[in-house]
Amino acid sequence: AIYVEGEEDFRRGTGLTEEQIKEFYDVHQQLTDHFASLGIDYRVMIAPDKHSIYPQYLPLTRRLGSGPWELKQLMTPPGPNYTVRMIDVSDALLNAAATGVDQYYKTDSHWNWEGGWTAYQVIMDQLMPAHPNMRRLTEEDINRSDIAPSGDLAGLIGQPGLIVDHTSMLAPKVYNCSHT
């Protein structure tokens, strides 16, 4: 069974077994090897669930336990023969959220544009050493515009379109890329 976050991780119970971690790595090792044979740099990034970044907003009856975070368990290979490269964006999202910049929509279970921007920066930082021709966009390279979306959580409580987030959309600026 490939990693699927569910109730157990939601509550931070017993965590993943060694066998589950090994199964996950076995699948991704096959993919790593296959893509390497094609000259492709394969990485794995699992987006953390909103409740992992904002546990303080869970009802008291649903607060996280003290068991292992399954996502963090998957960051360490089960043995030295695995060359799967994992990208962990959870610490960056936690740090950004702590500054007061929302990383997930309030009315949705997914990260917002800011959360995507935070994750993008971590991903690029991990890819650039192996790919020196890559350039990470900076704050000056993006445009921000105000939006007010209504997300899946608003729909679950019967309020789609009535409860909205007031947030920003981020988009790269368009540059004239002439070839000389």
Protein backbone atom coordinates (compact mmCIF):
# COMPACT_ATOMS: atom_id res chain seq x y z
CA ALA A 1 0.00 0.00 0.00
CA ILE A 2 1.41 3.35 -1.01
CA TYR A 3 1.30 6.14 1.55
CA VAL A 4 -2.18 7.56 2.02
CA GLU A 5 -2.63 9.93 4.90
CA GLY A 6 -5.72 9.08 6.88
CA GLU A 7 -7.29 9.04 10.30
CA GLU A 8 -4.27 7.45 11.99
CA ASP A 9 -1.91 10.22 10.89
CA PHE A 10 -4.60 12.80 11.58
CA ARG A 11 -4.52 11.73 15.21
CA ARG A 12 -0.74 11.05 15.26
CA GLY A 13 -1.18 7.57 16.61
CA THR A 14 1.20 4.67 16.11
CA GLY A 15 2.58 5.86 12.77
CA LEU A 16 3.71 3.75 9.84
CA THR A 17 5.18 0.30 10.27
CA GLU A 18 8.65 -0.55 8.98
CA GLU A 19 6.97 -2.68 6.30
CA GLN A 20 4.82 0.25 5.09
CA ILE A 21 7.87 2.50 4.89
CA LYS A 22 9.78 -0.18 2.99
CA GLU A 23 6.87 -0.65 0.55
CA PHE A 24 6.80 3.09 -0.07
CA TYR A 25 10.54 3.20 -0.73
CA ASP A 26 10.48 0.06 -2.88
CA VAL A 27 7.96 1.68 -5.24
CA HIS A 28 9.85 4.96 -5.39
CA GLN A 29 13.22 3.22 -5.78
CA GLN A 30 11.88 1.50 -8.90
CA LEU A 31 10.76 4.88 -10.22
CA THR A 32 14.07 6.50 -9.26
CA ASP A 33 16.01 3.79 -11.11
CA HIS A 34 13.74 3.91 -14.16
CA PHE A 35 13.92 7.68 -14.51
CA ALA A 36 17.68 7.70 -13.84
CA SER A 37 18.08 5.31 -16.79
CA LEU A 38 16.38 7.99 -18.91
CA GLY A 39 18.53 10.79 -17.49
CA ILE A 40 15.67 12.21 -15.42
CA ASP A 41 16.18 13.50 -11.87
CA TYR A 42 13.26 12.00 -9.91
CA ARG A 43 12.31 13.48 -6.53
CA VAL A 44 9.38 12.81 -4.19
CA MET A 45 7.55 15.58 -2.37
CA ILE A 46 4.47 14.92 -0.27
CA ALA A 47 2.40 17.98 0.58
CA PRO A 48 1.59 18.07 4.28
CA ASP A 49 -2.07 18.19 5.20
CA LYS A 50 -3.45 21.46 6.52
CA HIS A 51 -4.02 20.05 10.02
CA SER A 52 -0.29 19.29 10.28
CA ILE A 53 0.57 22.95 9.70
CA TYR A 54 -2.35 24.41 11.68
CA PRO A 55 -3.17 21.90 14.46
CA GLN A 56 -4.24 24.76 16.73
CA TYR A 57 -7.42 25.19 14.67
CA LEU A 58 -8.62 21.63 15.16
CA PRO A 59 -11.45 21.07 17.63
CA LEU A 60 -10.15 19.92 21.02
CA THR A 61 -11.60 16.45 20.38
CA ARG A 62 -9.53 16.14 17.21
CA ARG A 63 -6.19 17.57 18.35
CA LEU A 64 -3.08 15.75 17.30
CA GLY A 65 -1.61 13.12 19.56
CA SER A 66 2.03 12.70 20.44
CA GLY A 67 2.79 9.81 18.08
CA PRO A 68 5.00 10.04 15.00
CA TRP A 69 4.08 12.20 12.02
CA GLU A 70 3.90 9.75 9.10
CA LEU A 71 5.21 12.34 6.67
CA LYS A 72 8.36 12.77 8.77
CA GLN A 73 8.74 8.99 9.04
CA LEU A 74 8.94 8.84 5.24
CA MET A 75 11.83 11.28 5.08
CA THR A 76 14.32 8.64 6.25
CA PRO A 77 15.00 5.66 3.96
CA PRO A 78 14.64 2.21 5.57
CA GLY A 79 18.16 1.25 4.56
CA PRO A 80 21.38 2.39 2.86
CA ASN A 81 20.52 0.86 -0.54
CA TYR A 82 17.76 3.37 -1.25
CA THR A 83 18.66 6.39 -3.38
CA VAL A 84 15.17 7.93 -3.38
CA ARG A 85 15.45 11.69 -2.85
CA MET A 86 12.70 13.17 -0.72
CA ILE A 87 11.84 16.85 -0.54
CA ASP A 88 10.33 17.95 2.76
CA VAL A 89 8.46 21.27 2.61
CA SER A 90 6.71 20.88 5.97
CA ASP A 91 9.25 22.81 8.08
CA ALA A 92 9.21 25.73 5.64
CA LEU A 93 5.39 25.80 5.70
CA LEU A 94 5.36 25.65 9.52
CA ASN A 95 7.89 28.50 9.72
CA ALA A 96 6.02 30.64 7.19
CA ALA A 97 2.70 30.00 8.94
CA ALA A 98 4.28 31.07 12.25
CA THR A 99 4.99 34.50 10.72
CA GLY A 100 1.27 35.05 10.20
CA VAL A 101 1.28 34.52 6.43
CA ASP A 102 -1.49 32.00 5.68
CA GLN A 103 -0.13 28.98 3.82
CA TYR A 104 -3.49 27.24 3.37
CA TYR A 105 -6.89 28.64 2.50
CA LYS A 106 -9.14 29.09 5.51
CA THR A 107 -12.09 27.71 3.55
CA ASP A 108 -10.22 24.92 1.81
CA SER A 109 -8.08 21.92 2.73
CA HIS A 110 -5.38 22.82 0.17
CA TRP A 111 -2.48 25.22 0.38
CA ASN A 112 -3.00 28.64 -1.13
CA TRP A 113 -0.71 30.56 -3.49
CA GLU A 114 1.52 31.57 -0.57
CA GLY A 115 1.88 27.95 0.51
CA GLY A 116 2.69 26.98 -3.06
CA TRP A 117 5.28 29.76 -3.19
CA THR A 118 6.86 28.52 0.05
CA ALA A 119 6.99 24.95 -1.27
CA TYR A 120 8.37 26.14 -4.63
CA GLN A 121 11.30 27.84 -2.91
CA VAL A 122 12.23 24.66 -1.01
CA ILE A 123 11.90 22.54 -4.15
CA MET A 124 14.09 24.90 -6.15
CA ASP A 125 16.69 25.07 -3.38
CA GLN A 126 16.94 21.29 -3.50
CA LEU A 127 17.03 21.03 -7.29
CA MET A 128 19.43 23.87 -8.14
CA PRO A 129 22.66 22.25 -6.84
CA ALA A 130 22.14 19.35 -9.27
CA HIS A 131 20.86 21.64 -12.03
CA PRO A 132 23.02 24.81 -12.04
CA ASN A 133 21.21 26.28 -15.08
CA MET A 134 17.97 26.56 -13.13
CA ARG A 135 17.05 29.94 -11.69
CA ARG A 136 14.71 30.35 -8.76
CA LEU A 137 12.14 33.11 -9.14
CA THR A 138 12.36 35.86 -6.57
CA GLU A 139 9.72 38.07 -5.03
CA GLU A 140 10.49 40.64 -7.77
CA ASP A 141 9.60 38.05 -10.42
CA ILE A 142 5.98 37.63 -9.34
CA ASN A 143 2.80 39.66 -9.38
CA ARG A 144 0.29 39.51 -6.54
CA SER A 145 -3.40 40.18 -6.98
CA ASP A 146 -6.22 40.01 -4.47
CA ILE A 147 -8.71 37.16 -4.79
CA ALA A 148 -11.62 35.87 -2.69
CA PRO A 149 -12.10 32.15 -3.41
CA SER A 150 -14.51 29.85 -1.62
CA GLY A 151 -13.01 26.42 -0.97
CA ASP A 152 -13.99 22.81 -0.39
CA LEU A 153 -14.45 23.25 3.36
CA ALA A 154 -16.99 26.02 2.78
CA GLY A 155 -18.83 23.62 0.48
CA LEU A 156 -18.80 20.86 3.09
CA ILE A 157 -20.73 23.07 5.50
CA GLY A 158 -23.16 24.19 2.81
CA GLN A 159 -21.67 27.66 2.36
CA PRO A 160 -19.97 27.59 -1.06
CA GLY A 161 -19.53 31.13 -2.28
CA LEU A 162 -20.87 32.56 0.98
CA ILE A 163 -17.73 32.05 3.03
CA VAL A 164 -14.62 33.21 1.20
CA ASP A 165 -10.92 33.68 1.80
CA HIS A 166 -9.40 37.10 1.24
CA THR A 167 -5.96 36.24 -0.03
CA SER A 168 -3.53 36.83 -2.89
CA MET A 169 -2.90 35.02 -6.12
CA LEU A 170 0.73 34.85 -7.22
CA ALA A 171 1.75 34.68 -10.87
CA PRO A 172 5.11 35.04 -12.59
CA LYS A 173 5.66 38.31 -14.41
CA VAL A 174 5.93 37.91 -18.15
CA TYR A 175 9.35 38.75 -19.54
CA ASN A 176 10.43 39.28 -23.11
CA CYS A 177 12.69 36.29 -23.72
CA SER A 178 14.30 37.12 -27.03
CA HIS A 179 16.98 34.82 -28.36
CA THR A 180 20.21 36.49 -29.43
